[in-house]
C-alpha atoms as a PDB file:
ATOM      1  CA  MET A   1     -16.553  26.150  32.404  1.00  0.00           C
ATOM      2  CA  ASN A   2     -13.095  25.277  31.099  1.00  0.00           C
ATOM      3  CA  GLY A   3     -10.138  26.650  33.050  1.00  0.00           C
ATOM      4  CA  ALA A   4     -12.243  28.157  35.832  1.00  0.00           C
ATOM      5  CA  VAL A   5     -13.292  27.045  39.310  1.00  0.00           C
ATOM      6  CA  TYR A   6     -16.904  27.016  40.509  1.00  0.00           C
ATOM      7  CA  LEU A   7     -17.659  29.443  43.334  1.00  0.00           C
ATOM      8  CA  TYR A   8     -20.941  30.363  44.932  1.00  0.00           C
ATOM      9  CA  PHE A   9     -20.414  34.127  44.938  1.00  0.00           C
ATOM     10  CA  GLY A  10     -22.961  34.505  47.755  1.00  0.00           C
ATOM     11  CA  ASP A  11     -20.457  33.517  50.445  1.00  0.00           C
ATOM     12  CA  ALA A  12     -17.240  32.947  48.425  1.00  0.00           C
ATOM     13  CA  LYS A  13     -16.676  29.591  50.148  1.00  0.00           C
ATOM     14  CA  LEU A  14     -15.327  26.768  48.014  1.00  0.00           C
ATOM     15  CA  THR A  15     -17.745  23.858  47.640  1.00  0.00           C
ATOM     16  CA  THR A  16     -17.485  20.229  46.597  1.00  0.00           C
ATOM     17  CA  CYS A  17     -17.949  21.403  42.991  1.00  0.00           C
ATOM     18  CA  SER A  18     -15.066  23.862  43.476  1.00  0.00           C
ATOM     19  CA  PHE A  19     -12.767  21.085  44.638  1.00  0.00           C
ATOM     20  CA  ASP A  20     -13.898  18.886  41.709  1.00  0.00           C
ATOM     21  CA  ASP A  21     -12.877  21.693  39.310  1.00  0.00           C
ATOM     22  CA  LEU A  22      -9.525  22.143  41.086  1.00  0.00           C
ATOM     23  CA  ARG A  23      -8.848  18.395  40.844  1.00  0.00           C
ATOM     24  CA  GLU A  24      -9.748  18.354  37.108  1.00  0.00           C
ATOM     25  CA  LEU A  25      -7.374  21.292  36.553  1.00  0.00           C
ATOM     26  CA  GLY A  26      -4.604  19.557  38.523  1.00  0.00           C
ATOM     27  CA  ILE A  27      -4.458  22.368  41.103  1.00  0.00           C
ATOM     28  CA  ILE A  28      -3.753  21.788  44.786  1.00  0.00           C
ATOM     29  CA  PRO A  29      -5.279  24.572  46.913  1.00  0.00           C
ATOM     30  CA  LYS A  30      -2.627  26.912  48.306  1.00  0.00           C
ATOM     31  CA  GLU A  31      -2.840  30.322  49.915  1.00  0.00           C
ATOM     32  CA  GLY A  32      -2.735  33.139  47.369  1.00  0.00           C
ATOM     33  CA  ILE A  33      -3.196  31.120  44.151  1.00  0.00           C
ATOM     34  CA  ARG A  34      -4.798  33.338  41.489  1.00  0.00           C
ATOM     35  CA  LEU A  35      -7.741  31.759  39.700  1.00  0.00           C
ATOM     36  CA  ILE A  36     -10.765  32.563  37.582  1.00  0.00           C
ATOM     37  CA  PHE A  37     -14.014  31.714  39.353  1.00  0.00           C
ATOM     38  CA  TYR A  38     -17.502  31.251  37.924  1.00  0.00           C
ATOM     39  CA  ASP A  39     -21.066  30.842  39.120  1.00  0.00           C
ATOM     40  CA  LEU A  40     -24.281  30.068  37.260  1.00  0.00           C
ATOM     41  CA  ASP A  41     -26.484  33.084  36.628  1.00  0.00           C
ATOM     42  CA  ALA A  42     -28.999  34.501  34.141  1.00  0.00           C
ATOM     43  CA  ASP A  43     -29.563  37.879  32.554  1.00  0.00           C
ATOM     44  CA  LYS A  44     -32.769  39.936  32.999  1.00  0.00           C
ATOM     45  CA  GLU A  45     -34.453  38.002  30.189  1.00  0.00           C
ATOM     46  CA  GLY A  46     -33.553  34.645  31.756  1.00  0.00           C
ATOM     47  CA  HIS A  47     -30.803  33.691  29.297  1.00  0.00           C
ATOM     48  CA  PRO A  48     -28.233  31.409  30.961  1.00  0.00           C
ATOM     49  CA  MET A  49     -25.014  33.227  31.888  1.00  0.00           C
ATOM     50  CA  TYR A  50     -21.832  32.614  33.826  1.00  0.00           C
ATOM     51  CA  MET A  51     -20.829  35.210  36.391  1.00  0.00           C
ATOM     52  CA  CYS A  52     -17.002  35.253  36.280  1.00  0.00           C
ATOM     53  CA  ALA A  53     -14.306  37.018  38.290  1.00  0.00           C
ATOM     54  CA  GLU A  54     -10.636  36.747  39.146  1.00  0.00           C
ATOM     55  CA  GLY A  55      -9.423  36.274  42.678  1.00  0.00           C
ATOM     56  CA  VAL A  56      -7.118  34.435  45.044  1.00  0.00           C
ATOM     57  CA  LEU A  57      -7.555  31.495  47.404  1.00  0.00           C
ATOM     58  CA  HIS A  58      -7.492  32.131  51.139  1.00  0.00           C
ATOM     59  CA  PHE A  59      -7.670  29.555  53.940  1.00  0.00           C
ATOM     60  CA  GLU A  60      -9.845  30.849  56.776  1.00  0.00           C
ATOM     61  CA  ARG A  61      -8.593  29.276  59.981  1.00  0.00           C
ATOM     62  CA  GLU A  62     -11.636  30.217  62.082  1.00  0.00           C
ATOM     63  CA  SER A  63     -13.978  28.143  59.919  1.00  0.00           C
ATOM     64  CA  ALA A  64     -11.294  25.768  58.579  1.00  0.00           C
ATOM     65  CA  SER A  65     -12.464  26.447  55.027  1.00  0.00           C
ATOM     66  CA  TRP A  66     -11.109  27.707  51.738  1.00  0.00           C
ATOM     67  CA  ARG A  67     -12.577  30.948  50.432  1.00  0.00           C
ATOM     68  CA  ALA A  68     -12.011  33.138  47.416  1.00  0.00           C
ATOM     69  CA  VAL A  69     -11.085  36.784  47.708  1.00  0.00           C
ATOM     70  CA  VAL A  70     -12.727  38.068  44.542  1.00  0.00           C
ATOM     71  CA  GLU A  71     -11.570  41.205  42.754  1.00  0.00           C
ATOM     72  CA  GLU A  72     -14.910  42.938  42.198  1.00  0.00           C
ATOM     73  CA  GLU A  73     -13.528  45.072  39.353  1.00  0.00           C
ATOM     74  CA  SER A  74     -12.943  41.865  37.360  1.00  0.00           C
ATOM     75  CA  LEU A  75     -16.589  40.755  37.631  1.00  0.00           C
ATOM     76  CA  ARG A  76     -18.194  40.036  34.263  1.00  0.00           C
ATOM     77  CA  TRP A  77     -20.961  37.959  32.688  1.00  0.00           C
ATOM     78  CA  VAL A  78     -20.460  35.494  29.849  1.00  0.00           C
ATOM     79  CA  PRO A  79     -23.314  33.801  27.947  1.00  0.00           C
ATOM     80  CA  ARG A  80     -23.128  30.055  28.535  1.00  0.00           C
ATOM     81  CA  SER A  81     -23.727  29.519  24.829  1.00  0.00           C
ATOM     82  CA  GLU A  82     -20.317  31.151  24.128  1.00  0.00           C
ATOM     83  CA  VAL A  83     -18.383  28.753  26.361  1.00  0.00           C
ATOM     84  CA  ALA A  84     -17.308  25.335  25.109  1.00  0.00           C
ATOM     85  CA  GLN A  85     -18.054  22.618  27.624  1.00  0.00           C
END
């Protein structure tokens, strides 16, 4: 999804795909950077959707991993057919 970073919303931990998106966008991870995140999803009828939300990056020292702090009020679904790849 153009301009957004992949995030598995289940644990909010950045994955290899997340870092691939960051690299393609020319973004170096830094504490507090605001981004739009997306995950693959489907509606009740099985139509492909993106789950999207805004949030900030946070480095968790205990696990030495980057995570997203997602603003739940920004959560929304977008049909994949409406997004140019």
